[in-house]
C-alpha cells in the first residue's frame, strides 16, 4: 500500500480532520441559497433593459434649432 504513518503524521491527521467537516466546507453556498438565481435574473433584466433602450432610443434632435 503506502508508507506507514508514524505517530507524528497520525497526530496531525487527527488535528486537521475538523477542516473537512461539512459545516465548514461550502458554507457560502448554504449561507446564500437564492443568490445564484437572483444574479442570473438580474443579468437578464439588465440585458433586456439595454436591448429595450437600443430599440426604442429617443431621437437626438434638439427642440430649438438655430
N, C-alpha and C. Protein backbone atom coordinates (compact mmCIF):
# COMPACT_ATOMS: atom_id res chain seq x y z
N UNK A 1 0.84 -1.18 0.00
CA UNK A 1 0.00 0.00 0.00
C UNK A 1 0.88 1.23 0.00
N UNK A 2 0.84 2.01 1.00
CA UNK A 2 1.66 3.21 1.10
C UNK A 2 2.58 3.11 2.29
N UNK A 3 3.27 4.14 2.52
CA UNK A 3 4.18 4.18 3.65
C UNK A 3 3.36 4.28 4.93
N UNK A 4 3.78 3.57 5.94
CA UNK A 4 3.06 3.57 7.22
C UNK A 4 3.20 4.93 7.89
N UNK A 5 2.13 5.38 8.48
CA UNK A 5 2.16 6.67 9.17
C UNK A 5 2.84 6.53 10.52
N UNK A 6 3.65 7.48 10.82
CA UNK A 6 4.28 7.49 12.13
C UNK A 6 3.37 8.19 13.12
N UNK A 7 3.75 8.22 14.39
CA UNK A 7 2.92 8.87 15.39
C UNK A 7 2.73 10.37 15.13
N UNK A 8 3.73 11.02 14.56
CA UNK A 8 3.61 12.45 14.28
C UNK A 8 2.61 12.71 13.17
N UNK A 9 2.69 11.91 12.08
CA UNK A 9 1.74 12.07 10.97
C UNK A 9 0.31 11.80 11.41
N UNK A 10 0.12 10.77 12.22
CA UNK A 10 -1.22 10.44 12.70
C UNK A 10 -1.76 11.56 13.60
N UNK A 11 -0.90 12.16 14.38
CA UNK A 11 -1.31 13.26 15.26
C UNK A 11 -1.84 14.43 14.42
N UNK A 12 -1.09 14.80 13.38
CA UNK A 12 -1.51 15.93 12.56
C UNK A 12 -2.73 15.60 11.72
N UNK A 13 -2.87 14.35 11.32
CA UNK A 13 -4.05 13.97 10.55
C UNK A 13 -5.30 14.14 11.41
N UNK A 14 -5.23 13.70 12.66
CA UNK A 14 -6.38 13.86 13.55
C UNK A 14 -6.64 15.33 13.87
N UNK A 15 -5.59 16.14 13.94
CA UNK A 15 -5.75 17.56 14.24
C UNK A 15 -6.42 18.31 13.09
N UNK A 16 -6.26 17.84 11.86
CA UNK A 16 -6.80 18.53 10.70
C UNK A 16 -8.15 18.00 10.24
N UNK A 17 -8.70 17.01 10.90
CA UNK A 17 -9.99 16.46 10.48
C UNK A 17 -11.10 17.49 10.56
N UNK A 18 -11.04 18.43 11.49
CA UNK A 18 -12.09 19.41 11.65
C UNK A 18 -12.21 20.31 10.43
N UNK A 19 -11.11 20.47 9.67
CA UNK A 19 -11.15 21.34 8.50
C UNK A 19 -12.03 20.77 7.39
N UNK A 20 -12.27 19.48 7.40
CA UNK A 20 -13.08 18.84 6.37
C UNK A 20 -14.51 18.60 6.83
N UNK A 21 -14.89 19.15 7.96
CA UNK A 21 -16.24 18.96 8.47
C UNK A 21 -17.25 19.61 7.52
N UNK A 22 -18.41 18.97 7.27
CA UNK A 22 -19.39 19.53 6.33
C UNK A 22 -19.89 20.92 6.70
N UNK A 23 -19.89 21.27 7.97
CA UNK A 23 -20.35 22.60 8.36
C UNK A 23 -19.34 23.68 7.97
N UNK A 24 -18.10 23.32 7.74
CA UNK A 24 -17.07 24.30 7.41
C UNK A 24 -16.77 24.37 5.92
N UNK A 25 -17.14 23.35 5.17
CA UNK A 25 -16.88 23.37 3.74
C UNK A 25 -18.14 23.82 3.01
N UNK A 26 -17.96 24.59 1.98
CA UNK A 26 -19.07 25.05 1.14
C UNK A 26 -20.09 25.86 1.92
N UNK A 27 -19.65 26.66 2.86
CA UNK A 27 -20.57 27.44 3.69
C UNK A 27 -21.21 28.57 2.91
N UNK A 28 -20.50 29.19 1.97
CA UNK A 28 -21.05 30.34 1.26
C UNK A 28 -22.29 29.95 0.48
N UNK A 29 -22.28 28.76 -0.10
CA UNK A 29 -23.43 28.31 -0.88
C UNK A 29 -24.65 28.12 0.01
N UNK A 30 -24.47 27.60 1.19
CA UNK A 30 -25.60 27.39 2.10
C UNK A 30 -26.04 28.68 2.78
N UNK A 31 -25.15 29.64 2.89
CA UNK A 31 -25.49 30.89 3.54
C UNK A 31 -26.32 31.80 2.63
N UNK A 32 -26.18 31.63 1.32
CA UNK A 32 -26.90 32.47 0.36
C UNK A 32 -27.67 31.56 -0.60
N UNK A 33 -28.80 31.01 -0.19
CA UNK A 33 -29.46 29.99 -1.00
C UNK A 33 -30.01 30.48 -2.34
N UNK A 34 -30.43 31.72 -2.47
CA UNK A 34 -31.02 32.18 -3.72
C UNK A 34 -30.16 33.15 -4.49
N UNK A 35 -28.91 33.31 -4.10
CA UNK A 35 -28.06 34.32 -4.72
C UNK A 35 -27.78 34.01 -6.19
N UNK A 36 -27.53 32.77 -6.53
CA UNK A 36 -27.23 32.41 -7.92
C UNK A 36 -28.39 32.71 -8.84
N UNK A 37 -29.58 32.34 -8.44
CA UNK A 37 -30.77 32.60 -9.25
C UNK A 37 -31.01 34.10 -9.35
N UNK A 38 -30.80 34.82 -8.28
CA UNK A 38 -31.02 36.27 -8.30
C UNK A 38 -30.03 36.96 -9.23
N UNK A 39 -28.79 36.53 -9.24
CA UNK A 39 -27.78 37.14 -10.11
C UNK A 39 -28.13 36.88 -11.57
N UNK A 40 -28.57 35.68 -11.89
CA UNK A 40 -28.96 35.36 -13.27
C UNK A 40 -30.18 36.18 -13.67
N UNK A 41 -31.18 36.27 -12.80
CA UNK A 41 -32.38 37.04 -13.11
C UNK A 41 -32.04 38.52 -13.31
N UNK A 42 -31.18 39.06 -12.47
CA UNK A 42 -30.80 40.46 -12.61
C UNK A 42 -30.01 40.69 -13.90
N UNK A 43 -29.16 39.75 -14.26
CA UNK A 43 -28.42 39.86 -15.52
C UNK A 43 -29.35 39.87 -16.73
N UNK A 44 -30.37 39.02 -16.69
CA UNK A 44 -31.36 39.01 -17.78
C UNK A 44 -32.11 40.33 -17.82
N UNK A 45 -32.47 40.85 -16.67
CA UNK A 45 -33.17 42.14 -16.61
C UNK A 45 -32.31 43.26 -17.21
N UNK A 46 -31.03 43.30 -16.84
CA UNK A 46 -30.14 44.35 -17.34
C UNK A 46 -29.97 44.22 -18.85
N UNK A 47 -29.80 42.99 -19.34
CA UNK A 47 -29.66 42.78 -20.79
C UNK A 47 -30.92 43.21 -21.52
N UNK A 48 -32.09 42.91 -20.96
CA UNK A 48 -33.34 43.33 -21.56
C UNK A 48 -33.51 44.82 -21.56
N UNK A 49 -33.10 45.46 -20.49
CA UNK A 49 -33.18 46.92 -20.40
C UNK A 49 -32.28 47.59 -21.44
N UNK A 50 -31.08 47.07 -21.63
CA UNK A 50 -30.15 47.61 -22.62
C UNK A 50 -30.73 47.41 -24.03
N UNK A 51 -31.27 46.23 -24.30
CA UNK A 51 -31.86 45.96 -25.61
C UNK A 51 -33.05 46.88 -25.85
N UNK A 52 -33.88 47.06 -24.86
CA UNK A 52 -35.05 47.94 -24.99
C UNK A 52 -34.61 49.38 -25.28
N UNK A 53 -33.62 49.85 -24.58
CA UNK A 53 -33.13 51.22 -24.79
C UNK A 53 -32.51 51.40 -26.17
N UNK A 54 -31.90 50.34 -26.73
CA UNK A 54 -31.33 50.46 -28.07
C UNK A 54 -32.43 50.47 -29.13
N UNK A 55 -33.47 49.68 -28.94
CA UNK A 55 -34.54 49.60 -29.92
C UNK A 55 -35.39 50.86 -29.88
N UNK A 56 -35.73 51.30 -28.69
CA UNK A 56 -36.61 52.45 -28.54
C UNK A 56 -35.83 53.68 -28.06
N UNK A 57 -34.69 53.94 -28.66
CA UNK A 57 -33.86 55.07 -28.27
C UNK A 57 -34.56 56.37 -28.67
N UNK A 58 -34.55 57.36 -27.79
CA UNK A 58 -35.14 58.65 -28.17
C UNK A 58 -34.30 59.32 -29.24
N UNK A 59 -34.96 60.11 -30.07
CA UNK A 59 -34.22 60.81 -31.12
C UNK A 59 -33.36 61.89 -30.48
N UNK A 60 -32.24 62.17 -31.11
CA UNK A 60 -31.30 63.14 -30.53
C UNK A 60 -31.42 64.52 -31.19
N UNK A 61 -32.61 64.87 -31.64
CA UNK A 61 -32.81 66.21 -32.22
C UNK A 61 -33.20 67.18 -31.14
N UNK A 62 -32.69 68.35 -31.25
CA UNK A 62 -32.98 69.39 -30.26
C UNK A 62 -34.28 70.10 -30.63
N UNK A 63 -35.09 70.47 -29.64
CA UNK A 63 -36.32 71.18 -29.96
C UNK A 63 -36.05 72.56 -30.55
N UNK A 64 -34.94 73.18 -30.18
CA UNK A 64 -34.57 74.50 -30.73
C UNK A 64 -33.46 74.30 -31.77
N UNK A 65 -33.72 74.59 -32.99
CA UNK A 65 -32.66 74.50 -33.99
C UNK A 65 -32.33 75.91 -34.48
N UNK A 66 -31.07 76.23 -34.58
CA UNK A 66 -30.65 77.55 -34.99
C UNK A 66 -30.22 77.56 -36.42
